[in-house]
Amino acid sequence: MARLRILSTVSDWSRVDRSHVLAAFAECDRLGSREFLSRYRFGRAKASTVWHDGQEYDVKAILGMALLHATGRPATKQDFAAGEGAAARLLTGMGFDVVIDEEAMEAEDRALATRALEAETAATTPSAKAVRTRKPTAPRQPAPPKPVKKVGRPNPVDQPTQLCPTCFMALPLTGVCDNCD
């Protein structure tokens, strides 16, 4: 039961045992690390790795695959809400060699604590939208109607006057001089 408290209670981590982890190692060896991570959509662990038979494996990916072997349900992001350190502790408790980058693990723990504090604060304090009150406003006036634009022949007033290059008389809209024809 202690293992249940290590990771989130979304999954039944007590059903995962050493044989499931060994099956996950075999699956990773069969596919190769890169294919294993992409096929099962695991991101790389940043702070810890697990070693088995001289090979290095990703802690969360191996534990997530072990959960799939144990329950038939793939691990989700919520299953690892307690962080990478919790996954490393669970594998260490099963007797596997886990190497942890202490600085990266402390940074992850601080980030998890900050997120938990922000979530707790957000849950206990009213949001800014809830506190804000509306000022009474005057009724809106309808917008003035837009001018109607006529479609059709162009207005001759809008166009510059064209002159006949021979007699310098104003040309009609046809563009052909009546005098020089």
C-alpha atoms as a PDB file:
ATOM      1  CA  MET A   1       0.000   0.000   0.000  1.00  0.00           C
ATOM      2  CA  ALA A   2       2.926   2.358   0.569  1.00  0.00           C
ATOM      3  CA  ARG A   3       3.612   2.360  -3.166  1.00  0.00           C
ATOM      4  CA  LEU A   4       0.167   3.784  -3.815  1.00  0.00           C
ATOM      5  CA  ARG A   5       1.078   6.924  -1.916  1.00  0.00           C
ATOM      6  CA  ILE A   6       4.330   7.364  -3.823  1.00  0.00           C
ATOM      7  CA  LEU A   7       2.583   8.119  -7.108  1.00  0.00           C
ATOM      8  CA  SER A   8      -0.835   9.520  -7.791  1.00  0.00           C
ATOM      9  CA  THR A   9      -3.897   7.504  -6.899  1.00  0.00           C
ATOM     10  CA  VAL A  10      -5.142   7.624 -10.491  1.00  0.00           C
ATOM     11  CA  SER A  11      -3.484   4.244 -11.207  1.00  0.00           C
ATOM     12  CA  ASP A  12      -3.240   1.140  -9.120  1.00  0.00           C
ATOM     13  CA  TRP A  13       0.549   1.076  -8.781  1.00  0.00           C
ATOM     14  CA  SER A  14       0.353  -1.842  -6.332  1.00  0.00           C
ATOM     15  CA  ARG A  15      -0.449  -4.109  -9.289  1.00  0.00           C
ATOM     16  CA  VAL A  16       2.923  -3.310 -10.899  1.00  0.00           C
ATOM     17  CA  ASP A  17       5.611  -5.785  -9.857  1.00  0.00           C
ATOM     18  CA  ARG A  18       9.129  -6.693 -10.907  1.00  0.00           C
ATOM     19  CA  SER A  19       7.961  -9.035 -13.709  1.00  0.00           C
ATOM     20  CA  HIS A  20       6.034  -6.185 -15.355  1.00  0.00           C
ATOM     21  CA  VAL A  21       9.105  -3.950 -15.219  1.00  0.00           C
ATOM     22  CA  LEU A  22      11.243  -6.719 -16.741  1.00  0.00           C
ATOM     23  CA  ALA A  23       8.688  -7.082 -19.551  1.00  0.00           C
ATOM     24  CA  ALA A  24       8.949  -3.316 -20.139  1.00  0.00           C
ATOM     25  CA  PHE A  25      12.766  -3.614 -20.387  1.00  0.00           C
ATOM     26  CA  ALA A  26      12.347  -6.416 -22.946  1.00  0.00           C
ATOM     27  CA  GLU A  27       9.894  -4.311 -24.988  1.00  0.00           C
ATOM     28  CA  CYS A  28      12.303  -1.366 -24.969  1.00  0.00           C
ATOM     29  CA  ASP A  29      15.191  -3.614 -26.047  1.00  0.00           C
ATOM     30  CA  ARG A  30      13.089  -5.092 -28.846  1.00  0.00           C
ATOM     31  CA  LEU A  31      12.011  -1.701 -30.251  1.00  0.00           C
ATOM     32  CA  GLY A  32      15.047   0.400 -29.399  1.00  0.00           C
ATOM     33  CA  SER A  33      14.930   3.365 -27.043  1.00  0.00           C
ATOM     34  CA  ARG A  34      13.899   6.023 -29.577  1.00  0.00           C
ATOM     35  CA  GLU A  35      11.098   3.936 -31.122  1.00  0.00           C
ATOM     36  CA  PHE A  36       9.942   2.803 -27.661  1.00  0.00           C
ATOM     37  CA  LEU A  37       9.595   6.411 -26.439  1.00  0.00           C
ATOM     38  CA  SER A  38       7.831   7.633 -29.571  1.00  0.00           C
ATOM     39  CA  ARG A  39       5.508   4.643 -30.000  1.00  0.00           C
ATOM     40  CA  TYR A  40       4.201   4.825 -26.453  1.00  0.00           C
ATOM     41  CA  ARG A  41       4.419   8.653 -26.346  1.00  0.00           C
ATOM     42  CA  PHE A  42       6.753   8.986 -23.411  1.00  0.00           C
ATOM     43  CA  GLY A  43       8.952  12.025 -23.006  1.00  0.00           C
ATOM     44  CA  ARG A  44      12.514  11.705 -21.810  1.00  0.00           C
ATOM     45  CA  ALA A  45      13.089  11.730 -18.074  1.00  0.00           C
ATOM     46  CA  LYS A  46      15.251  14.675 -17.106  1.00  0.00           C
ATOM     47  CA  ALA A  47      16.551  13.716 -13.703  1.00  0.00           C
ATOM     48  CA  SER A  48      16.808   9.920 -13.443  1.00  0.00           C
ATOM     49  CA  THR A  49      17.548   6.716 -15.318  1.00  0.00           C
ATOM     50  CA  VAL A  50      17.206   3.066 -14.413  1.00  0.00           C
ATOM     51  CA  TRP A  51      19.976   0.574 -15.225  1.00  0.00           C
ATOM     52  CA  HIS A  52      19.356  -3.079 -16.026  1.00  0.00           C
ATOM     53  CA  ASP A  53      21.832  -5.604 -17.512  1.00  0.00           C
ATOM     54  CA  GLY A  54      24.260  -2.797 -18.398  1.00  0.00           C
ATOM     55  CA  GLN A  55      21.635  -0.797 -20.286  1.00  0.00           C
ATOM     56  CA  GLU A  56      20.223   2.620 -19.392  1.00  0.00           C
ATOM     57  CA  TYR A  57      16.448   3.145 -19.577  1.00  0.00           C
ATOM     58  CA  ASP A  58      14.062   6.014 -19.045  1.00  0.00           C
ATOM     59  CA  VAL A  59      12.424   5.763 -15.595  1.00  0.00           C
ATOM     60  CA  LYS A  60       8.949   7.066 -16.426  1.00  0.00           C
ATOM     61  CA  ALA A  61       8.734   5.222 -19.749  1.00  0.00           C
ATOM     62  CA  ILE A  62       9.667   1.884 -18.184  1.00  0.00           C
ATOM     63  CA  LEU A  63       7.278   2.368 -15.282  1.00  0.00           C
ATOM     64  CA  GLY A  64       4.500   3.495 -17.636  1.00  0.00           C
ATOM     65  CA  MET A  65       4.975   0.390 -19.812  1.00  0.00           C
ATOM     66  CA  ALA A  66       5.037  -1.792 -16.683  1.00  0.00           C
ATOM     67  CA  LEU A  67       1.653  -0.297 -15.739  1.00  0.00           C
ATOM     68  CA  LEU A  68       0.359  -1.224 -19.198  1.00  0.00           C
ATOM     69  CA  HIS A  69       1.564  -4.815 -18.721  1.00  0.00           C
ATOM     70  CA  ALA A  70       0.035  -4.965 -15.226  1.00  0.00           C
ATOM     71  CA  THR A  71      -3.356  -3.360 -15.857  1.00  0.00           C
ATOM     72  CA  GLY A  72      -3.832  -3.246 -19.616  1.00  0.00           C
ATOM     73  CA  ARG A  73      -4.200   0.530 -19.364  1.00  0.00           C
ATOM     74  CA  PRO A  74      -1.419   2.851 -20.535  1.00  0.00           C
ATOM     75  CA  ALA A  75      -0.041   5.413 -18.113  1.00  0.00           C
ATOM     76  CA  THR A  76      -1.173   9.009 -18.474  1.00  0.00           C
ATOM     77  CA  LYS A  77       0.377  12.309 -17.493  1.00  0.00           C
ATOM     78  CA  GLN A  78      -1.788  12.357 -14.356  1.00  0.00           C
ATOM     79  CA  ASP A  79      -0.301   9.019 -13.278  1.00  0.00           C
ATOM     80  CA  PHE A  80       3.045  10.764 -12.909  1.00  0.00           C
ATOM     81  CA  ALA A  81       1.717  13.892 -11.235  1.00  0.00           C
ATOM     82  CA  ALA A  82       3.935  13.215  -8.208  1.00  0.00           C
ATOM     83  CA  GLY A  83       6.977  13.660 -10.438  1.00  0.00           C
ATOM     84  CA  GLU A  84       9.921  11.719 -11.700  1.00  0.00           C
ATOM     85  CA  GLY A  85      11.328  11.237  -8.203  1.00  0.00           C
ATOM     86  CA  ALA A  86       8.295   9.204  -7.180  1.00  0.00           C
ATOM     87  CA  ALA A  87       8.749   6.924 -10.191  1.00  0.00           C
ATOM     88  CA  ALA A  88      12.432   6.500  -9.324  1.00  0.00           C
ATOM     89  CA  ARG A  89      11.605   5.638  -5.706  1.00  0.00           C
ATOM     90  CA  LEU A  90       9.072   3.030  -6.820  1.00  0.00           C
ATOM     91  CA  LEU A  91      11.609   1.309  -9.096  1.00  0.00           C
ATOM     92  CA  THR A  92      14.276   1.491  -6.380  1.00  0.00           C
ATOM     93  CA  GLY A  93      11.809  -0.151  -3.989  1.00  0.00           C
ATOM     94  CA  MET A  94      11.492  -3.047  -6.469  1.00  0.00           C
ATOM     95  CA  GLY A  95      15.246  -3.563  -6.382  1.00  0.00           C
ATOM     96  CA  PHE A  96      16.315  -1.813  -9.588  1.00  0.00           C
ATOM     97  CA  ASP A  97      19.370   0.451  -9.848  1.00  0.00           C
ATOM     98  CA  VAL A  98      18.229   4.042 -10.379  1.00  0.00           C
ATOM     99  CA  VAL A  99      20.662   6.896 -10.969  1.00  0.00           C
ATOM    100  CA  ILE A 100      19.342  10.306  -9.975  1.00  0.00           C
ATOM    101  CA  ASP A 101      20.671  13.742 -10.925  1.00  0.00           C
ATOM    102  CA  GLU A 102      20.148  15.453  -7.568  1.00  0.00           C
ATOM    103  CA  GLU A 103      20.154  19.029  -8.918  1.00  0.00           C
ATOM    104  CA  ALA A 104      17.616  18.256 -11.630  1.00  0.00           C
ATOM    105  CA  MET A 105      15.471  16.313  -9.139  1.00  0.00           C
ATOM    106  CA  GLU A 106      15.493  19.212  -6.668  1.00  0.00           C
ATOM    107  CA  ALA A 107      14.498  21.602  -9.450  1.00  0.00           C
ATOM    108  CA  GLU A 108      11.603  19.310 -10.395  1.00  0.00           C
ATOM    109  CA  ASP A 109      10.525  19.018  -6.753  1.00  0.00           C
ATOM    110  CA  ARG A 110      10.548  22.819  -6.413  1.00  0.00           C
ATOM    111  CA  ALA A 111       8.484  23.158  -9.595  1.00  0.00           C
ATOM    112  CA  LEU A 112       5.967  20.573  -8.331  1.00  0.00           C
ATOM    113  CA  ALA A 113       5.716  22.349  -4.975  1.00  0.00           C
ATOM    114  CA  THR A 114       5.172  25.691  -6.700  1.00  0.00           C
ATOM    115  CA  ARG A 115       2.428  24.244  -8.911  1.00  0.00           C
ATOM    116  CA  ALA A 116       0.743  22.633  -5.910  1.00  0.00           C
ATOM    117  CA  LEU A 117       0.872  25.905  -3.978  1.00  0.00           C
ATOM    118  CA  GLU A 118      -0.535  27.834  -6.952  1.00  0.00           C
ATOM    119  CA  ALA A 119      -3.346  25.305  -7.340  1.00  0.00           C
ATOM    120  CA  GLU A 120      -4.150  25.476  -3.623  1.00  0.00           C
ATOM    121  CA  THR A 121      -4.102  29.284  -3.664  1.00  0.00           C
ATOM    122  CA  ALA A 122      -6.315  29.389  -6.743  1.00  0.00           C
ATOM    123  CA  ALA A 123      -8.786  27.013  -5.105  1.00  0.00           C
ATOM    124  CA  THR A 124      -9.057  29.011  -1.860  1.00  0.00           C
ATOM    125  CA  THR A 125      -9.090  32.590  -3.187  1.00  0.00           C
ATOM    126  CA  PRO A 126     -11.844  33.968  -5.369  1.00  0.00           C
ATOM    127  CA  SER A 127     -10.771  34.729  -8.868  1.00  0.00           C
ATOM    128  CA  ALA A 128     -10.382  38.285 -10.108  1.00  0.00           C
ATOM    129  CA  LYS A 129     -13.388  37.831 -12.365  1.00  0.00           C
ATOM    130  CA  ALA A 130     -15.591  36.829  -9.426  1.00  0.00           C
ATOM    131  CA  VAL A 131     -14.510  39.835  -7.358  1.00  0.00           C
ATOM    132  CA  ARG A 132     -14.936  42.408 -10.109  1.00  0.00           C
ATOM    133  CA  THR A 133     -18.229  44.284 -10.129  1.00  0.00           C
ATOM    134  CA  ARG A 134     -19.842  45.901 -13.110  1.00  0.00           C
ATOM    135  CA  LYS A 135     -20.511  49.593 -13.208  1.00  0.00           C
ATOM    136  CA  PRO A 136     -23.908  50.610 -14.499  1.00  0.00           C
ATOM    137  CA  THR A 137     -23.630  51.927 -18.020  1.00  0.00           C
ATOM    138  CA  ALA A 138     -25.868  54.101 -20.155  1.00  0.00           C
ATOM    139  CA  PRO A 139     -27.910  52.276 -22.752  1.00  0.00           C
ATOM    140  CA  ARG A 140     -26.098  51.972 -26.025  1.00  0.00           C
ATOM    141  CA  GLN A 141     -27.191  54.165 -28.862  1.00  0.00           C
ATOM    142  CA  PRO A 142     -27.728  52.479 -32.211  1.00  0.00           C
ATOM    143  CA  ALA A 143     -24.923  53.042 -34.692  1.00  0.00           C
ATOM    144  CA  PRO A 144     -25.674  55.566 -37.454  1.00  0.00           C
ATOM    145  CA  PRO A 145     -26.532  53.971 -40.773  1.00  0.00           C
ATOM    146  CA  LYS A 146     -23.646  53.508 -43.157  1.00  0.00           C
ATOM    147  CA  PRO A 147     -23.757  55.405 -46.443  1.00  0.00           C
ATOM    148  CA  VAL A 148     -24.990  53.329 -49.342  1.00  0.00           C
ATOM    149  CA  LYS A 149     -22.501  52.979 -52.154  1.00  0.00           C
ATOM    150  CA  LYS A 150     -24.001  52.748 -55.626  1.00  0.00           C
ATOM    151  CA  VAL A 151     -22.737  50.057 -57.897  1.00  0.00           C
ATOM    152  CA  GLY A 152     -22.706  50.597 -61.619  1.00  0.00           C
ATOM    153  CA  ARG A 153     -21.236  53.244 -63.941  1.00  0.00           C
ATOM    154  CA  PRO A 154     -18.461  55.374 -62.486  1.00  0.00           C
ATOM    155  CA  ASN A 155     -19.305  58.915 -61.554  1.00  0.00           C
ATOM    156  CA  PRO A 156     -17.691  61.264 -64.150  1.00  0.00           C
ATOM    157  CA  VAL A 157     -17.015  63.824 -61.435  1.00  0.00           C
ATOM    158  CA  ASP A 158     -14.727  61.354 -59.612  1.00  0.00           C
ATOM    159  CA  GLN A 159     -12.516  60.768 -62.691  1.00  0.00           C
ATOM    160  CA  PRO A 160      -9.929  63.286 -63.974  1.00  0.00           C
ATOM    161  CA  THR A 161     -10.757  64.916 -67.275  1.00  0.00           C
ATOM    162  CA  GLN A 162      -8.899  63.504 -70.258  1.00  0.00           C
ATOM    163  CA  LEU A 163      -7.850  65.780 -73.116  1.00  0.00           C
ATOM    164  CA  CYS A 164      -7.534  65.002 -76.802  1.00  0.00           C
ATOM    165  CA  PRO A 165      -3.813  65.019 -77.679  1.00  0.00           C
ATOM    166  CA  THR A 166      -4.533  66.756 -81.024  1.00  0.00           C
ATOM    167  CA  CYS A 167      -7.044  69.523 -80.285  1.00  0.00           C
ATOM    168  CA  PHE A 168      -6.810  69.578 -76.481  1.00  0.00           C
ATOM    169  CA  MET A 169     -10.601  69.402 -76.118  1.00  0.00           C
ATOM    170  CA  ALA A 170     -12.157  67.367 -73.278  1.00  0.00           C
ATOM    171  CA  LEU A 171     -12.773  63.799 -74.353  1.00  0.00           C
ATOM    172  CA  PRO A 172     -16.171  62.163 -73.733  1.00  0.00           C
ATOM    173  CA  LEU A 173     -16.352  58.985 -71.659  1.00  0.00           C
ATOM    174  CA  THR A 174     -15.901  56.913 -74.797  1.00  0.00           C
ATOM    175  CA  GLY A 175     -12.325  58.259 -75.083  1.00  0.00           C
ATOM    176  CA  VAL A 176     -12.772  59.224 -78.789  1.00  0.00           C
ATOM    177  CA  CYS A 177     -12.604  62.933 -79.715  1.00  0.00           C
ATOM    178  CA  ASP A 178     -15.746  64.160 -81.513  1.00  0.00           C
ATOM    179  CA  ASN A 179     -13.825  66.977 -83.277  1.00  0.00           C
ATOM    180  CA  CYS A 180     -10.793  65.110 -84.565  1.00  0.00           C
ATOM    181  CA  ASP A 181     -12.604  62.081 -85.842  1.00  0.00           C
END
